[in-house]
């Protein structure tokens, strides 16, 4: 039976995604019990990092350890990928030695090519196009604090980046409405918008996106690899800060999320980051639990 991969949220059905979220919540409630031994003894994850990380590395390593497995950190300096070995060759060899592979890289085509030649599940830990593991954590956070996200109104404030594009897929898979507020020229991919027409819309005024929203989400204005554009992007996004004025027009019980790391005073106000009732820190922790549930699903499906 071919391995199941998780390159985007579309690789799992809505019912499967709901089951992963429920399992993640159960694992969080019993962190040392739920998941221990369920993936089999001494399972090994190969982790390929071409982009730096804090949350992704720690959450996957800790998750594998808590479930009785192991994780191997591999950077381009540590592998033949850094010396020009074809992705397909690395996939064939690595997948013959480990049980699951996580890749955090730049072009989304890299994870697609790797998965096409892998005999074990491949997880997208982030590409320039998508960040599906973060969306599992985000949805888990909303469900924990506000119940089902189905039928809710969600606002994305900022760049049409990999997080925004994963929110587009999430709107489709978890059945919510998404309004994206971004300046002209920073929209998400047109094909994704076309595929979700009627469920996802793009507006220019962040207040229009936030009005009545149950969830507001944002990310840095310049992602990894875009540092040279920082000043230009800061000017373009100056009116797109997630702050109290947006919460004031959102639903009374709205929550707000940021995948981190954050730049206080830029894409999100310091007031919201440091508010005593923020759920951003729950969101960060939920990467661990959501990914444990995902790994268990992929290795036992």
Protein backbone atom coordinates (compact mmCIF):
# COMPACT_ATOMS: atom_id res chain seq x y z
CA UNK A 1 0.00 0.00 0.00
CA UNK A 2 1.50 3.41 -0.96
CA UNK A 3 2.59 5.69 1.87
CA UNK A 4 0.30 8.56 2.83
CA UNK A 5 1.97 11.97 2.66
CA UNK A 6 1.09 15.35 4.20
CA UNK A 7 2.32 18.03 1.82
CA UNK A 8 -0.79 20.22 2.05
CA UNK A 9 -4.05 20.05 3.97
CA UNK A 10 -5.65 18.63 0.82
CA UNK A 11 -3.77 15.34 1.32
CA UNK A 12 -6.19 14.38 4.10
CA UNK A 13 -9.96 14.35 3.84
CA UNK A 14 -12.00 16.75 6.02
CA UNK A 15 -13.04 13.78 8.17
CA UNK A 16 -9.42 12.69 8.59
CA UNK A 17 -8.34 16.21 9.51
CA UNK A 18 -11.09 16.41 12.12
CA UNK A 19 -9.92 13.10 13.56
CA UNK A 20 -6.33 14.36 13.75
CA UNK A 21 -7.48 17.48 15.61
CA UNK A 22 -9.51 15.40 18.09
CA UNK A 23 -6.55 13.10 18.64
CA UNK A 24 -4.22 16.07 19.15
CA UNK A 25 -6.50 17.42 21.88
CA UNK A 26 -6.54 13.99 23.56
CA UNK A 27 -2.76 13.77 23.39
CA UNK A 28 -2.44 17.21 24.94
CA UNK A 29 -4.64 16.11 27.83
CA UNK A 30 -2.41 13.09 28.45
CA UNK A 31 1.03 14.14 27.19
CA UNK A 32 3.00 11.19 28.58
CA UNK A 33 0.38 8.57 27.89
CA UNK A 34 -1.55 9.23 24.70
CA UNK A 35 0.58 8.23 21.76
CA UNK A 36 3.21 6.33 23.71
CA UNK A 37 3.93 3.17 21.77
CA UNK A 38 1.10 3.64 19.27
CA UNK A 39 3.47 4.10 16.33
CA UNK A 40 5.49 1.00 17.16
CA UNK A 41 8.83 0.70 18.92
CA UNK A 42 11.86 2.77 17.97
CA UNK A 43 10.40 4.41 14.88
CA UNK A 44 12.78 6.93 13.28
CA UNK A 45 12.02 10.26 11.64
CA UNK A 46 14.51 11.84 9.25
CA UNK A 47 14.24 15.64 9.42
CA UNK A 48 15.69 17.63 6.51
CA UNK A 49 16.10 21.32 7.26
CA UNK A 50 17.03 23.73 4.48
CA UNK A 51 15.35 26.56 6.40
CA UNK A 52 16.17 27.34 10.02
CA UNK A 53 13.64 26.57 12.72
CA UNK A 54 12.90 26.62 16.43
CA UNK A 55 9.32 25.38 16.82
CA UNK A 56 9.40 22.89 13.95
CA UNK A 57 12.56 21.13 15.07
CA UNK A 58 11.75 21.01 18.77
CA UNK A 59 8.12 19.94 18.29
CA UNK A 60 8.96 17.09 15.91
CA UNK A 61 11.93 15.86 17.97
CA UNK A 62 10.02 16.04 21.24
CA UNK A 63 6.96 14.44 19.67
CA UNK A 64 8.89 11.45 18.33
CA UNK A 65 10.62 10.97 21.69
CA UNK A 66 7.32 11.11 23.60
CA UNK A 67 5.87 8.44 21.31
CA UNK A 68 8.88 6.17 21.80
CA UNK A 69 10.71 7.02 18.60
CA UNK A 70 13.72 9.01 17.50
CA UNK A 71 14.39 11.96 15.18
CA UNK A 72 17.50 12.68 13.11
CA UNK A 73 18.34 16.30 12.25
CA UNK A 74 19.80 16.65 8.75
CA UNK A 75 20.92 19.95 7.24
CA UNK A 76 22.27 20.40 3.69
CA UNK A 77 25.76 20.49 5.24
CA UNK A 78 25.15 17.02 6.69
CA UNK A 79 23.81 15.32 3.56
CA UNK A 80 24.69 14.79 -0.05
CA UNK A 81 21.81 17.11 -0.99
CA UNK A 82 24.20 19.93 -0.19
CA UNK A 83 26.65 18.50 -2.73
CA UNK A 84 24.15 18.16 -5.55
CA UNK A 85 22.68 14.68 -5.13
CA UNK A 86 19.30 14.54 -6.88
CA UNK A 87 16.33 14.82 -4.54
CA UNK A 88 14.92 11.63 -5.98
CA UNK A 89 18.07 9.65 -5.10
CA UNK A 90 18.10 10.97 -1.56
CA UNK A 91 14.43 10.07 -1.19
CA UNK A 92 14.99 6.48 -2.31
CA UNK A 93 17.92 5.96 0.07
CA UNK A 94 16.63 7.83 3.12
CA UNK A 95 13.17 6.26 2.94
CA UNK A 96 14.77 2.82 3.02
CA UNK A 97 16.32 3.61 6.40
CA UNK A 98 13.74 5.65 8.32
CA UNK A 99 10.00 5.37 8.94
CA UNK A 100 8.88 8.92 8.18
CA UNK A 101 10.51 12.05 6.72
CA UNK A 102 9.87 15.71 7.54
CA UNK A 103 11.20 18.37 5.15
CA UNK A 104 11.44 22.12 5.77
CA UNK A 105 12.62 23.81 2.59
CA UNK A 106 12.06 26.53 0.01
CA UNK A 107 10.37 25.39 -3.22
CA UNK A 108 7.28 23.28 -2.73
CA UNK A 109 8.35 21.17 -5.71
CA UNK A 110 11.17 19.77 -3.55
CA UNK A 111 8.78 18.03 -1.15
CA UNK A 112 6.63 16.87 -4.05
CA UNK A 113 9.60 15.31 -5.84
CA UNK A 114 10.84 13.74 -2.62
CA UNK A 115 7.42 12.26 -1.80
CA UNK A 116 7.06 10.84 -5.32
CA UNK A 117 10.12 8.61 -4.71
CA UNK A 118 9.68 7.92 -0.99
CA UNK A 119 8.41 4.60 0.33
CA UNK A 120 7.54 6.20 3.70
CA UNK A 121 5.29 9.13 4.65
CA UNK A 122 6.65 12.61 3.93
CA UNK A 123 5.54 15.63 5.99
CA UNK A 124 5.85 19.20 4.79
CA UNK A 125 7.41 21.12 7.69
CA UNK A 126 7.18 24.34 5.64
CA UNK A 127 7.75 25.42 2.05
CA UNK A 128 7.46 28.77 0.33
CA UNK A 129 3.91 27.83 -0.68
CA UNK A 130 2.40 26.03 2.31
CA UNK A 131 2.73 25.43 6.05
CA UNK A 132 0.07 22.79 6.76
CA UNK A 133 1.38 21.63 10.15
CA UNK A 134 0.91 25.13 11.51
CA UNK A 135 -2.69 25.11 10.35
CA UNK A 136 -3.33 21.92 12.29
CA UNK A 137 -2.09 23.72 15.41
CA UNK A 138 -4.13 26.84 14.61
CA UNK A 139 -7.36 24.92 14.12
CA UNK A 140 -6.69 22.87 17.25
CA UNK A 141 -6.27 26.12 19.20
CA UNK A 142 -9.56 27.52 17.93
CA UNK A 143 -11.42 24.29 18.69
CA UNK A 144 -10.02 24.19 22.23
CA UNK A 145 -11.08 27.75 23.00
CA UNK A 146 -14.19 28.32 20.88
CA UNK A 147 -15.45 24.97 19.60
CA UNK A 148 -15.89 23.96 15.98
CA UNK A 149 -14.51 26.33 13.35
CA UNK A 150 -17.06 25.08 10.80
CA UNK A 151 -19.18 27.94 9.49
CA UNK A 152 -17.10 30.60 11.26
CA UNK A 153 -15.65 33.78 9.80
CA UNK A 154 -11.82 34.00 9.65
CA UNK A 155 -9.71 37.02 8.72
CA UNK A 156 -6.16 36.86 7.43
CA UNK A 157 -4.31 40.15 7.81
CA UNK A 158 -1.08 40.67 5.86
CA UNK A 159 0.99 38.96 3.20
CA UNK A 160 -0.47 36.34 0.88
CA UNK A 161 2.34 33.98 1.89
CA UNK A 162 2.58 30.27 2.70
CA UNK A 163 0.51 30.71 5.86
CA UNK A 164 -2.18 32.62 4.01
CA UNK A 165 -2.27 29.96 1.31
CA UNK A 166 -2.60 27.24 3.93
CA UNK A 167 -5.51 29.17 5.43
CA UNK A 168 -7.13 29.08 1.98
CA UNK A 169 -6.84 25.29 1.96
CA UNK A 170 -8.08 25.20 5.54
CA UNK A 171 -11.20 27.18 4.62
CA UNK A 172 -11.99 24.47 2.09
CA UNK A 173 -11.19 21.50 4.34
CA UNK A 174 -12.62 22.80 7.63
CA UNK A 175 -15.58 24.61 6.04
CA UNK A 176 -15.18 28.23 7.12
CA UNK A 177 -15.27 31.57 5.30
CA UNK A 178 -11.97 33.42 4.86
CA UNK A 179 -11.42 37.11 4.14
CA UNK A 180 -7.86 38.08 3.23
CA UNK A 181 -6.70 41.67 3.71
CA UNK A 182 -3.50 42.46 1.83
CA UNK A 183 -2.10 45.33 -0.26
CA UNK A 184 -2.18 45.14 -4.03
CA UNK A 185 0.64 43.01 -5.38
CA UNK A 186 0.85 40.77 -2.30
CA UNK A 187 -2.09 38.47 -3.00
CA UNK A 188 -1.95 34.69 -2.61
CA UNK A 189 -1.80 32.45 -5.67
CA UNK A 190 -4.61 33.06 -8.14
CA UNK A 191 -5.24 29.34 -8.69
CA UNK A 192 -5.92 28.82 -4.99
CA UNK A 193 -8.35 31.74 -4.93
CA UNK A 194 -10.09 30.38 -8.02
CA UNK A 195 -10.44 26.92 -6.46
CA UNK A 196 -12.13 28.41 -3.38
CA UNK A 197 -14.25 31.08 -5.07
CA UNK A 198 -17.32 31.86 -2.96
CA UNK A 199 -15.55 30.81 0.25
CA UNK A 200 -12.42 33.02 0.12
CA UNK A 201 -12.26 36.72 -0.78
CA UNK A 202 -9.54 39.37 -0.95
CA UNK A 203 -10.09 42.90 0.37
CA UNK A 204 -7.74 45.87 0.77
CA UNK A 205 -9.00 47.33 4.05
CA UNK A 206 -8.09 45.17 7.07
CA UNK A 207 -11.13 46.53 8.90
CA UNK A 208 -13.35 45.00 6.21
CA UNK A 209 -11.68 41.63 6.74
CA UNK A 210 -11.86 41.80 10.54
CA UNK A 211 -15.47 42.94 10.80
CA UNK A 212 -17.45 40.17 12.52
CA UNK A 213 -14.55 37.68 12.34
CA UNK A 214 -14.29 34.94 14.96
CA UNK A 215 -10.59 34.40 14.29
CA UNK A 216 -7.92 36.86 13.12
CA UNK A 217 -4.51 35.60 12.02
CA UNK A 218 -1.31 37.15 10.75
CA UNK A 219 2.38 36.48 10.08
CA UNK A 220 5.58 38.43 9.52
CA UNK A 221 5.61 40.79 6.56
CA UNK A 222 8.91 39.43 5.20
CA UNK A 223 9.32 35.65 5.32
CA UNK A 224 12.59 33.73 5.29
CA UNK A 225 14.41 34.51 2.06
CA UNK A 226 12.75 37.93 1.75
CA UNK A 227 14.95 39.85 4.17
CA UNK A 228 16.22 42.14 1.42
CA UNK A 229 12.63 43.30 0.90
CA UNK A 230 12.07 44.17 4.57
CA UNK A 231 11.96 47.96 4.19
CA UNK A 232 9.77 47.92 1.08
CA UNK A 233 7.39 45.47 2.67
CA UNK A 234 7.23 47.46 5.90
CA UNK A 235 5.99 50.46 3.90
CA UNK A 236 3.48 48.41 1.94
CA UNK A 237 2.03 46.74 5.05
CA UNK A 238 2.11 49.72 7.42
CA UNK A 239 -1.71 49.79 7.66
CA UNK A 240 -2.01 46.02 8.14
CA UNK A 241 -1.02 45.60 11.77
CA UNK A 242 -3.16 43.21 13.79
CA UNK A 243 -4.07 45.41 16.75
CA UNK A 244 -6.87 46.46 19.05
CA UNK A 245 -8.69 48.46 16.37
CA UNK A 246 -9.26 45.26 14.40
CA UNK A 247 -10.42 43.31 17.46
CA UNK A 248 -12.89 46.11 18.19
CA UNK A 249 -14.80 45.35 14.97
CA UNK A 250 -14.42 41.56 15.19
CA UNK A 251 -16.87 39.22 16.90
CA UNK A 252 -17.08 39.82 20.68
CA UNK A 253 -15.41 36.48 21.44
CA UNK A 254 -12.82 36.65 18.64
CA UNK A 255 -9.35 35.22 19.17
CA UNK A 256 -6.17 36.08 17.30
CA UNK A 257 -3.22 33.93 16.23
CA UNK A 258 0.36 34.36 15.04
CA UNK A 259 2.52 31.40 13.98
CA UNK A 260 5.69 33.02 15.42
CA UNK A 261 8.33 34.31 15.52
CA UNK A 262 6.67 37.73 15.72
CA UNK A 263 7.90 41.27 15.35
CA UNK A 264 6.09 43.18 18.06
CA UNK A 265 4.98 46.56 16.78
CA UNK A 266 5.04 45.50 13.13
CA UNK A 267 2.54 42.86 11.96
CA UNK A 268 1.05 42.58 15.47
CA UNK A 269 0.94 45.08 18.32
CA UNK A 270 2.95 44.49 21.47
CA UNK A 271 -0.29 44.98 23.42
CA UNK A 272 -1.87 41.91 21.82
CA UNK A 273 1.28 39.79 21.99
CA UNK A 274 1.59 40.41 25.72
CA UNK A 275 -2.10 40.40 26.64
CA UNK A 276 -2.91 38.06 29.55
CA UNK A 277 -5.73 36.41 27.59
CA UNK A 278 -3.78 35.74 24.39
CA UNK A 279 -3.88 32.18 23.04
CA UNK A 280 -0.78 32.57 20.87
CA UNK A 281 1.32 30.56 23.34
CA UNK A 282 -1.26 27.75 23.29
CA UNK A 283 -1.03 27.88 19.50
CA UNK A 284 2.76 27.48 19.66
CA UNK A 285 2.55 24.52 22.05
CA UNK A 286 -0.09 22.87 19.89
CA UNK A 287 2.47 22.29 17.15
CA UNK A 288 3.75 19.46 19.36
CA UNK A 289 0.38 17.82 19.91
CA UNK A 290 -0.99 18.29 16.40
CA UNK A 291 2.16 16.84 14.85
CA UNK A 292 2.15 13.86 17.20
CA UNK A 293 -1.41 13.12 16.09
CA UNK A 294 -0.40 13.55 12.45
CA UNK A 295 2.60 11.23 12.78
CA UNK A 296 0.46 8.60 14.47
CA UNK A 297 -2.11 8.87 11.69
CA UNK A 298 0.44 8.57 8.89
CA UNK A 299 2.26 5.63 10.48
CA UNK A 300 -0.87 3.67 11.34
CA UNK A 301 -3.18 4.54 8.43
